[in-house]
PDB file of N, CA and C in Angstrom:
ATOM      1  N   MET A   1     -10.485   4.595  12.128  1.00  0.00           N
ATOM      2  CA  MET A   1      -9.230   4.056  11.657  1.00  0.00           C
ATOM      3  C   MET A   1      -8.617   3.162  12.713  1.00  0.00           C
ATOM      4  N   PHE A   2      -7.809   2.257  12.269  1.00  0.00           N
ATOM      5  CA  PHE A   2      -7.205   1.274  13.157  1.00  0.00           C
ATOM      6  C   PHE A   2      -5.978   1.851  13.836  1.00  0.00           C
ATOM      7  N   GLN A   3      -5.954   1.766  15.148  1.00  0.00           N
ATOM      8  CA  GLN A   3      -4.753   2.084  15.896  1.00  0.00           C
ATOM      9  C   GLN A   3      -4.627   1.063  17.000  1.00  0.00           C
ATOM     10  N   SER A   4      -3.617   0.259  16.902  1.00  0.00           N
ATOM     11  CA  SER A   4      -3.410  -0.765  17.909  1.00  0.00           C
ATOM     12  C   SER A   4      -2.719  -0.145  19.114  1.00  0.00           C
ATOM     13  N   PRO A   5      -3.223  -0.383  20.329  1.00  0.00           N
ATOM     14  CA  PRO A   5      -2.540   0.139  21.503  1.00  0.00           C
ATOM     15  C   PRO A   5      -1.155  -0.473  21.678  1.00  0.00           C
ATOM     16  N   ASN A   6      -0.983  -1.674  21.161  1.00  0.00           N
ATOM     17  CA  ASN A   6       0.311  -2.343  21.216  1.00  0.00           C
ATOM     18  C   ASN A   6       0.691  -2.745  19.793  1.00  0.00           C
ATOM     19  N   PRO A   7       1.454  -1.898  19.065  1.00  0.00           N
ATOM     20  CA  PRO A   7       1.782  -2.184  17.680  1.00  0.00           C
ATOM     21  C   PRO A   7       2.477  -3.522  17.476  1.00  0.00           C
ATOM     22  N   ASN A   8       3.201  -4.010  18.485  1.00  0.00           N
ATOM     23  CA  ASN A   8       3.892  -5.285  18.338  1.00  0.00           C
ATOM     24  C   ASN A   8       2.926  -6.462  18.350  1.00  0.00           C
ATOM     25  N   ALA A   9       1.675  -6.225  18.809  1.00  0.00           N
ATOM     26  CA  ALA A   9       0.681  -7.289  18.869  1.00  0.00           C
ATOM     27  C   ALA A   9      -0.064  -7.461  17.549  1.00  0.00           C
ATOM     28  N   LEU A  10       0.100  -6.529  16.616  1.00  0.00           N
ATOM     29  CA  LEU A  10      -0.588  -6.607  15.337  1.00  0.00           C
ATOM     30  C   LEU A  10      -0.084  -7.808  14.554  1.00  0.00           C
ATOM     31  N   THR A  11      -1.006  -8.658  14.141  1.00  0.00           N
ATOM     32  CA  THR A  11      -0.608  -9.766  13.290  1.00  0.00           C
ATOM     33  C   THR A  11      -0.594  -9.261  11.862  1.00  0.00           C
ATOM     34  N   GLY A  12      -0.023 -10.001  10.986  1.00  0.00           N
ATOM     35  CA  GLY A  12       0.024  -9.565   9.592  1.00  0.00           C
ATOM     36  C   GLY A  12       1.437  -9.659   9.065  1.00  0.00           C
ATOM     37  N   TYR A  13       1.750  -8.762   8.174  1.00  0.00           N
ATOM     38  CA  TYR A  13       3.016  -8.822   7.461  1.00  0.00           C
ATOM     39  C   TYR A  13       3.893  -7.626   7.796  1.00  0.00           C
ATOM     40  N   ALA A  14       5.182  -7.869   7.885  1.00  0.00           N
ATOM     41  CA  ALA A  14       6.133  -6.775   8.051  1.00  0.00           C
ATOM     42  C   ALA A  14       6.503  -6.275   6.664  1.00  0.00           C
ATOM     43  N   VAL A  15       6.380  -4.968   6.466  1.00  0.00           N
ATOM     44  CA  VAL A  15       6.734  -4.353   5.189  1.00  0.00           C
ATOM     45  C   VAL A  15       8.102  -3.726   5.347  1.00  0.00           C
ATOM     46  N   GLU A  16       9.025  -4.118   4.501  1.00  0.00           N
ATOM     47  CA  GLU A  16      10.385  -3.615   4.601  1.00  0.00           C
ATOM     48  C   GLU A  16      10.525  -2.340   3.777  1.00  0.00           C
ATOM     49  N   VAL A  17      10.593  -1.217   4.469  1.00  0.00           N
ATOM     50  CA  VAL A  17      10.784   0.086   3.841  1.00  0.00           C
ATOM     51  C   VAL A  17      11.762   0.874   4.702  1.00  0.00           C
ATOM     52  N   SER A  18      12.328   1.920   4.110  1.00  0.00           N
ATOM     53  CA  SER A  18      13.258   2.742   4.878  1.00  0.00           C
ATOM     54  C   SER A  18      12.505   3.494   5.971  1.00  0.00           C
ATOM     55  N   LEU A  19      13.225   3.865   7.001  1.00  0.00           N
ATOM     56  CA  LEU A  19      12.599   4.596   8.102  1.00  0.00           C
ATOM     57  C   LEU A  19      12.008   5.918   7.621  1.00  0.00           C
ATOM     58  N   GLY A  20      12.647   6.532   6.643  1.00  0.00           N
ATOM     59  CA  GLY A  20      12.142   7.800   6.117  1.00  0.00           C
ATOM     60  C   GLY A  20      10.800   7.650   5.422  1.00  0.00           C
ATOM     61  N   ASP A  21      10.592   6.532   4.735  1.00  0.00           N
ATOM     62  CA  ASP A  21       9.335   6.302   4.019  1.00  0.00           C
ATOM     63  C   ASP A  21       8.269   5.668   4.907  1.00  0.00           C
ATOM     64  N   ARG A  22       8.705   5.048   5.990  1.00  0.00           N
ATOM     65  CA  ARG A  22       7.786   4.275   6.820  1.00  0.00           C
ATOM     66  C   ARG A  22       6.585   5.081   7.278  1.00  0.00           C
ATOM     67  N   TRP A  23       6.795   6.284   7.813  1.00  0.00           N
ATOM     68  CA  TRP A  23       5.677   7.061   8.349  1.00  0.00           C
ATOM     69  C   TRP A  23       4.758   7.570   7.246  1.00  0.00           C
ATOM     70  N   ARG A  24       5.331   7.958   6.115  1.00  0.00           N
ATOM     71  CA  ARG A  24       4.475   8.410   5.008  1.00  0.00           C
ATOM     72  C   ARG A  24       3.600   7.269   4.516  1.00  0.00           C
ATOM     73  N   ILE A  25       4.172   6.077   4.410  1.00  0.00           N
ATOM     74  CA  ILE A  25       3.407   4.910   3.986  1.00  0.00           C
ATOM     75  C   ILE A  25       2.358   4.568   5.041  1.00  0.00           C
ATOM     76  N   TYR A  26       2.744   4.615   6.304  1.00  0.00           N
ATOM     77  CA  TYR A  26       1.823   4.332   7.406  1.00  0.00           C
ATOM     78  C   TYR A  26       0.599   5.250   7.333  1.00  0.00           C
ATOM     79  N   PHE A  27       0.830   6.553   7.199  1.00  0.00           N
ATOM     80  CA  PHE A  27      -0.287   7.498   7.180  1.00  0.00           C
ATOM     81  C   PHE A  27      -1.169   7.304   5.951  1.00  0.00           C
ATOM     82  N   ARG A  28      -0.566   6.966   4.809  1.00  0.00           N
ATOM     83  CA  ARG A  28      -1.381   6.723   3.610  1.00  0.00           C
ATOM     84  C   ARG A  28      -2.225   5.466   3.785  1.00  0.00           C
ATOM     85  N   LEU A  29      -1.665   4.417   4.359  1.00  0.00           N
ATOM     86  CA  LEU A  29      -2.442   3.199   4.600  1.00  0.00           C
ATOM     87  C   LEU A  29      -3.569   3.473   5.589  1.00  0.00           C
ATOM     88  N   GLN A  30      -3.329   4.326   6.580  1.00  0.00           N
ATOM     89  CA  GLN A  30      -4.382   4.714   7.510  1.00  0.00           C
ATOM     90  C   GLN A  30      -5.518   5.415   6.764  1.00  0.00           C
ATOM     91  N   GLU A  31      -5.173   6.304   5.830  1.00  0.00           N
ATOM     92  CA  GLU A  31      -6.197   6.981   5.026  1.00  0.00           C
ATOM     93  C   GLU A  31      -7.020   5.981   4.220  1.00  0.00           C
ATOM     94  N   LEU A  32      -6.368   4.913   3.778  1.00  0.00           N
ATOM     95  CA  LEU A  32      -7.056   3.872   3.007  1.00  0.00           C
ATOM     96  C   LEU A  32      -7.769   2.866   3.906  1.00  0.00           C
ATOM     97  N   MET A  33      -7.710   3.102   5.218  1.00  0.00           N
ATOM     98  CA  MET A  33      -8.351   2.255   6.226  1.00  0.00           C
ATOM     99  C   MET A  33      -7.832   0.819   6.189  1.00  0.00           C
ATOM    100  N   ILE A  34      -6.522   0.690   5.971  1.00  0.00           N
ATOM    101  CA  ILE A  34      -5.854  -0.603   6.028  1.00  0.00           C
ATOM    102  C   ILE A  34      -5.160  -0.679   7.387  1.00  0.00           C
ATOM    103  N   PRO A  35      -5.501  -1.675   8.206  1.00  0.00           N
ATOM    104  CA  PRO A  35      -4.901  -1.782   9.538  1.00  0.00           C
ATOM    105  C   PRO A  35      -3.375  -1.911   9.444  1.00  0.00           C
ATOM    106  N   CYS A  36      -2.676  -1.025  10.152  1.00  0.00           N
ATOM    107  CA  CYS A  36      -1.214  -1.072  10.167  1.00  0.00           C
ATOM    108  C   CYS A  36      -0.717  -0.410  11.437  1.00  0.00           C
ATOM    109  N   ALA A  37       0.538  -0.684  11.764  1.00  0.00           N
ATOM    110  CA  ALA A  37       1.145  -0.112  12.963  1.00  0.00           C
ATOM    111  C   ALA A  37       2.654  -0.084  12.780  1.00  0.00           C
ATOM    112  N   CYS A  38       3.276   0.910  13.385  1.00  0.00           N
ATOM    113  CA  CYS A  38       4.733   0.988  13.405  1.00  0.00           C
ATOM    114  C   CYS A  38       5.198   0.401  14.727  1.00  0.00           C
ATOM    115  N   ALA A  39       5.946  -0.672  14.638  1.00  0.00           N
ATOM    116  CA  ALA A  39       6.413  -1.372  15.836  1.00  0.00           C
ATOM    117  C   ALA A  39       7.658  -0.690  16.402  1.00  0.00           C
ATOM    118  N   ARG A  40       7.943  -1.003  17.633  1.00  0.00           N
ATOM    119  CA  ARG A  40       9.113  -0.422  18.294  1.00  0.00           C
ATOM    120  C   ARG A  40      10.425  -0.826  17.621  1.00  0.00           C
ATOM    121  N   ASP A  41      10.428  -1.988  16.978  1.00  0.00           N
ATOM    122  CA  ASP A  41      11.663  -2.436  16.319  1.00  0.00           C
ATOM    123  C   ASP A  41      11.903  -1.736  14.985  1.00  0.00           C
ATOM    124  N   GLY A  42      11.008  -0.805  14.609  1.00  0.00           N
ATOM    125  CA  GLY A  42      11.191  -0.039  13.385  1.00  0.00           C
ATOM    126  C   GLY A  42      10.447  -0.594  12.187  1.00  0.00           C
ATOM    127  N   SER A  43       9.820  -1.747  12.339  1.00  0.00           N
ATOM    128  CA  SER A  43       9.103  -2.334  11.204  1.00  0.00           C
ATOM    129  C   SER A  43       7.709  -1.744  11.073  1.00  0.00           C
ATOM    130  N   LEU A  44       7.174  -1.838   9.880  1.00  0.00           N
ATOM    131  CA  LEU A  44       5.798  -1.451   9.604  1.00  0.00           C
ATOM    132  C   LEU A  44       5.007  -2.737   9.426  1.00  0.00           C
ATOM    133  N   ARG A  45       4.021  -2.958  10.289  1.00  0.00           N
ATOM    134  CA  ARG A  45       3.193  -4.164  10.239  1.00  0.00           C
ATOM    135  C   ARG A  45       1.881  -3.817   9.562  1.00  0.00           C
ATOM    136  N   VAL A  46       1.445  -4.672   8.629  1.00  0.00           N
ATOM    137  CA  VAL A  46       0.233  -4.409   7.855  1.00  0.00           C
ATOM    138  C   VAL A  46      -0.655  -5.635   7.857  1.00  0.00           C
ATOM    139  N   GLU A  47      -1.955  -5.448   8.100  1.00  0.00           N
ATOM    140  CA  GLU A  47      -2.948  -6.510   7.998  1.00  0.00           C
ATOM    141  C   GLU A  47      -3.471  -6.530   6.563  1.00  0.00           C
ATOM    142  N   VAL A  48      -3.404  -7.669   5.925  1.00  0.00           N
ATOM    143  CA  VAL A  48      -3.936  -7.828   4.573  1.00  0.00           C
ATOM    144  C   VAL A  48      -4.961  -8.945   4.634  1.00  0.00           C
ATOM    145  N   ASN A  49      -6.233  -8.561   4.597  1.00  0.00           N
ATOM    146  CA  ASN A  49      -7.314  -9.527   4.751  1.00  0.00           C
ATOM    147  C   ASN A  49      -8.030  -9.873   3.452  1.00  0.00           C
ATOM    148  N   HIS A  50      -7.706  -9.183   2.373  1.00  0.00           N
ATOM    149  CA  HIS A  50      -8.340  -9.474   1.087  1.00  0.00           C
ATOM    150  C   HIS A  50      -7.468  -8.931  -0.042  1.00  0.00           C
ATOM    151  N   GLY A  51      -7.797  -9.320  -1.245  1.00  0.00           N
ATOM    152  CA  GLY A  51      -6.988  -8.973  -2.405  1.00  0.00           C
ATOM    153  C   GLY A  51      -6.850  -7.485  -2.651  1.00  0.00           C
ATOM    154  N   ILE A  52      -7.932  -6.748  -2.450  1.00  0.00           N
ATOM    155  CA  ILE A  52      -7.871  -5.302  -2.681  1.00  0.00           C
ATOM    156  C   ILE A  52      -6.884  -4.655  -1.713  1.00  0.00           C
ATOM    157  N   ALA A  53      -6.856  -5.107  -0.473  1.00  0.00           N
ATOM    158  CA  ALA A  53      -5.904  -4.564   0.496  1.00  0.00           C
ATOM    159  C   ALA A  53      -4.473  -4.844   0.040  1.00  0.00           C
ATOM    160  N   ALA A  54      -4.225  -6.036  -0.482  1.00  0.00           N
ATOM    161  CA  ALA A  54      -2.879  -6.375  -0.962  1.00  0.00           C
ATOM    162  C   ALA A  54      -2.468  -5.453  -2.111  1.00  0.00           C
ATOM    163  N   ILE A  55      -3.390  -5.196  -3.023  1.00  0.00           N
ATOM    164  CA  ILE A  55      -3.096  -4.305  -4.152  1.00  0.00           C
ATOM    165  C   ILE A  55      -2.825  -2.889  -3.653  1.00  0.00           C
ATOM    166  N   LEU A  56      -3.625  -2.412  -2.701  1.00  0.00           N
ATOM    167  CA  LEU A  56      -3.433  -1.069  -2.165  1.00  0.00           C
ATOM    168  C   LEU A  56      -2.113  -0.932  -1.415  1.00  0.00           C
ATOM    169  N   VAL A  57      -1.735  -1.953  -0.665  1.00  0.00           N
ATOM    170  CA  VAL A  57      -0.447  -1.908   0.047  1.00  0.00           C
ATOM    171  C   VAL A  57       0.689  -1.858  -0.960  1.00  0.00           C
ATOM    172  N   ARG A  58       0.646  -2.735  -1.954  1.00  0.00           N
ATOM    173  CA  ARG A  58       1.705  -2.753  -2.956  1.00  0.00           C
ATOM    174  C   ARG A  58       1.795  -1.414  -3.684  1.00  0.00           C
ATOM    175  N   SER A  59       0.652  -0.874  -4.087  1.00  0.00           N
ATOM    176  CA  SER A  59       0.619   0.391  -4.801  1.00  0.00           C
ATOM    177  C   SER A  59       1.158   1.533  -3.944  1.00  0.00           C
ATOM    178  N   THR A  60       0.797   1.554  -2.678  1.00  0.00           N
ATOM    179  CA  THR A  60       1.257   2.612  -1.777  1.00  0.00           C
ATOM    180  C   THR A  60       2.761   2.532  -1.571  1.00  0.00           C
ATOM    181  N   VAL A  61       3.262   1.335  -1.316  1.00  0.00           N
ATOM    182  CA  VAL A  61       4.711   1.175  -1.128  1.00  0.00           C
ATOM    183  C   VAL A  61       5.446   1.579  -2.399  1.00  0.00           C
ATOM    184  N   GLN A  62       4.928   1.156  -3.551  1.00  0.00           N
ATOM    185  CA  GLN A  62       5.562   1.499  -4.823  1.00  0.00           C
ATOM    186  C   GLN A  62       5.568   3.014  -5.037  1.00  0.00           C
ATOM    187  N   GLN A  63       4.485   3.670  -4.685  1.00  0.00           N
ATOM    188  CA  GLN A  63       4.375   5.121  -4.857  1.00  0.00           C
ATOM    189  C   GLN A  63       5.499   5.855  -4.127  1.00  0.00           C
ATOM    190  N   PHE A  64       5.868   5.379  -2.950  1.00  0.00           N
ATOM    191  CA  PHE A  64       6.871   6.071  -2.143  1.00  0.00           C
ATOM    192  C   PHE A  64       8.299   5.565  -2.351  1.00  0.00           C
ATOM    193  N   THR A  65       8.460   4.386  -2.931  1.00  0.00           N
ATOM    194  CA  THR A  65       9.808   3.817  -2.998  1.00  0.00           C
ATOM    195  C   THR A  65      10.359   3.658  -4.416  1.00  0.00           C
ATOM    196  N   ALA A  66       9.505   3.599  -5.417  1.00  0.00           N
ATOM    197  CA  ALA A  66       9.979   3.366  -6.787  1.00  0.00           C
ATOM    198  C   ALA A  66      10.616   4.637  -7.348  1.00  0.00           C
ATOM    199  N   PRO A  67      11.623   4.458  -8.191  1.00  0.00           N
ATOM    200  CA  PRO A  67      12.192   5.624  -8.873  1.00  0.00           C
ATOM    201  C   PRO A  67      11.127   6.289  -9.750  1.00  0.00           C
ATOM    202  N   ARG A  68      11.219   7.586  -9.887  1.00  0.00           N
ATOM    203  CA  ARG A  68      10.224   8.346 -10.652  1.00  0.00           C
ATOM    204  C   ARG A  68      10.043   7.792 -12.056  1.00  0.00           C
ATOM    205  N   GLN A  69      11.129   7.447 -12.728  1.00  0.00           N
ATOM    206  CA  GLN A  69      11.024   6.952 -14.104  1.00  0.00           C
ATOM    207  C   GLN A  69      10.238   5.650 -14.172  1.00  0.00           C
ATOM    208  N   ASP A  70      10.373   4.789 -13.187  1.00  0.00           N
ATOM    209  CA  ASP A  70       9.581   3.556 -13.152  1.00  0.00           C
ATOM    210  C   ASP A  70       8.090   3.872 -13.050  1.00  0.00           C
ATOM    211  N   LEU A  71       7.745   4.866 -12.244  1.00  0.00           N
ATOM    212  CA  LEU A  71       6.340   5.252 -12.106  1.00  0.00           C
ATOM    213  C   LEU A  71       5.802   5.860 -13.396  1.00  0.00           C
ATOM    214  N   VAL A  72       6.619   6.663 -14.067  1.00  0.00           N
ATOM    215  CA  VAL A  72       6.221   7.240 -15.355  1.00  0.00           C
ATOM    216  C   VAL A  72       6.006   6.136 -16.380  1.00  0.00           C
ATOM    217  N   ASN A  73       6.929   5.185 -16.450  1.00  0.00           N
ATOM    218  CA  ASN A  73       6.791   4.070 -17.404  1.00  0.00           C
ATOM    219  C   ASN A  73       5.532   3.254 -17.125  1.00  0.00           C
ATOM    220  N   TRP A  74       5.251   2.995 -15.844  1.00  0.00           N
ATOM    221  CA  TRP A  74       4.056   2.241 -15.471  1.00  0.00           C
ATOM    222  C   TRP A  74       2.792   2.975 -15.906  1.00  0.00           C
ATOM    223  N   LEU A  75       2.751   4.290 -15.661  1.00  0.00           N
ATOM    224  CA  LEU A  75       1.589   5.087 -16.021  1.00  0.00           C
ATOM    225  C   LEU A  75       1.391   5.105 -17.536  1.00  0.00           C
ATOM    226  N   GLU A  76       2.481   5.229 -18.279  1.00  0.00           N
ATOM    227  CA  GLU A  76       2.370   5.217 -19.746  1.00  0.00           C
ATOM    228  C   GLU A  76       1.849   3.872 -20.244  1.00  0.00           C
ATOM    229  N   ARG A  77       2.302   2.772 -19.639  1.00  0.00           N
ATOM    230  CA  ARG A  77       1.776   1.457 -20.023  1.00  0.00           C
ATOM    231  C   ARG A  77       0.279   1.370 -19.753  1.00  0.00           C
ATOM    232  N   CYS A  78      -0.159   1.947 -18.643  1.00  0.00           N
ATOM    233  CA  CYS A  78      -1.594   1.936 -18.317  1.00  0.00           C
ATOM    234  C   CYS A  78      -2.399   2.708 -19.355  1.00  0.00           C
ATOM    235  N   TRP A  79      -1.884   3.839 -19.814  1.00  0.00           N
ATOM    236  CA  TRP A  79      -2.601   4.652 -20.792  1.00  0.00           C
ATOM    237  C   TRP A  79      -2.773   3.919 -22.114  1.00  0.00           C
ATOM    238  N   TYR A  80      -1.797   3.082 -22.463  1.00  0.00           N
ATOM    239  CA  TYR A  80      -1.843   2.407 -23.759  1.00  0.00           C
ATOM    240  C   TYR A  80      -2.403   0.992 -23.691  1.00  0.00           C
ATOM    241  N   THR A  81      -2.816   0.568 -22.524  1.00  0.00           N
ATOM    242  CA  THR A  81      -3.408  -0.754 -22.376  1.00  0.00           C
ATOM    243  C   THR A  81      -4.864  -0.686 -22.801  1.00  0.00           C
ATOM    244  N   GLU A  82      -5.243  -1.582 -23.701  1.00  0.00           N
ATOM    245  CA  GLU A  82      -6.633  -1.604 -24.145  1.00  0.00           C
ATOM    246  C   GLU A  82      -7.461  -2.431 -23.186  1.00  0.00           C
ATOM    247  N   CYS A  83      -8.606  -1.897 -22.843  1.00  0.00           N
ATOM    248  CA  CYS A  83      -9.542  -2.606 -21.980  1.00  0.00           C
ATOM    249  C   CYS A  83     -10.658  -3.171 -22.839  1.00  0.00           C
ATOM    250  N   PRO A  84     -11.122  -4.360 -22.504  1.00  0.00           N
ATOM    251  CA  PRO A  84     -12.252  -4.901 -23.247  1.00  0.00           C
ATOM    252  C   PRO A  84     -13.454  -3.973 -23.076  1.00  0.00           C
ATOM    253  N   THR A  85     -14.219  -3.851 -24.129  1.00  0.00           N
ATOM    254  CA  THR A  85     -15.399  -2.997 -24.073  1.00  0.00           C
ATOM    255  C   THR A  85     -16.428  -3.602 -23.133  1.00  0.00           C
ATOM    256  N   ALA A  86     -16.875  -2.797 -22.200  1.00  0.00           N
ATOM    257  CA  ALA A  86     -17.876  -3.256 -21.228  1.00  0.00           C
ATOM    258  C   ALA A  86     -19.256  -2.869 -21.735  1.00  0.00           C
ATOM    259  N   SER A  87     -20.202  -3.706 -21.507  1.00  0.00           N
ATOM    260  CA  SER A  87     -21.571  -3.414 -21.881  1.00  0.00           C
ATOM    261  C   SER A  87     -22.267  -2.778 -20.695  1.00  0.00           C
ATOM    262  N   TRP A  88     -22.654  -1.546 -20.829  1.00  0.00           N
ATOM    263  CA  TRP A  88     -23.309  -0.819 -19.750  1.00  0.00           C
ATOM    264  C   TRP A  88     -24.829  -0.814 -19.938  1.00  0.00           C
ATOM    265  N   ASP A  89     -25.325  -1.518 -20.985  1.00  0.00           N
ATOM    266  CA  ASP A  89     -26.751  -1.530 -21.275  1.00  0.00           C
ATOM    267  C   ASP A  89     -27.521  -2.470 -20.396  1.00  0.00           C
ATOM    268  N   SER A  90     -26.860  -3.321 -19.648  1.00  0.00           N
ATOM    269  CA  SER A  90     -27.548  -4.353 -18.854  1.00  0.00           C
ATOM    270  C   SER A  90     -28.392  -3.764 -17.777  1.00  0.00           C
TER     271      SER A  90
END
């Protein structure tokens, strides 16, 4: 897992979250092997090098910061979304 000896040297994006959520988000991103660091100024810095990382960062932040009802509504929309039939015979 990524741990920068100097969190302020990490390039990338600052994620604006409350201090209470910052560490939970940090540890979850570490589990997902997304480079991140908590800087001395209180910000959470995240490296996003590809689209999947961006989706995972957004999803993780949403998981910890969105109101419960928003998450329930999102999940219900996912259940009712039709996916095109995939051909697995190939």
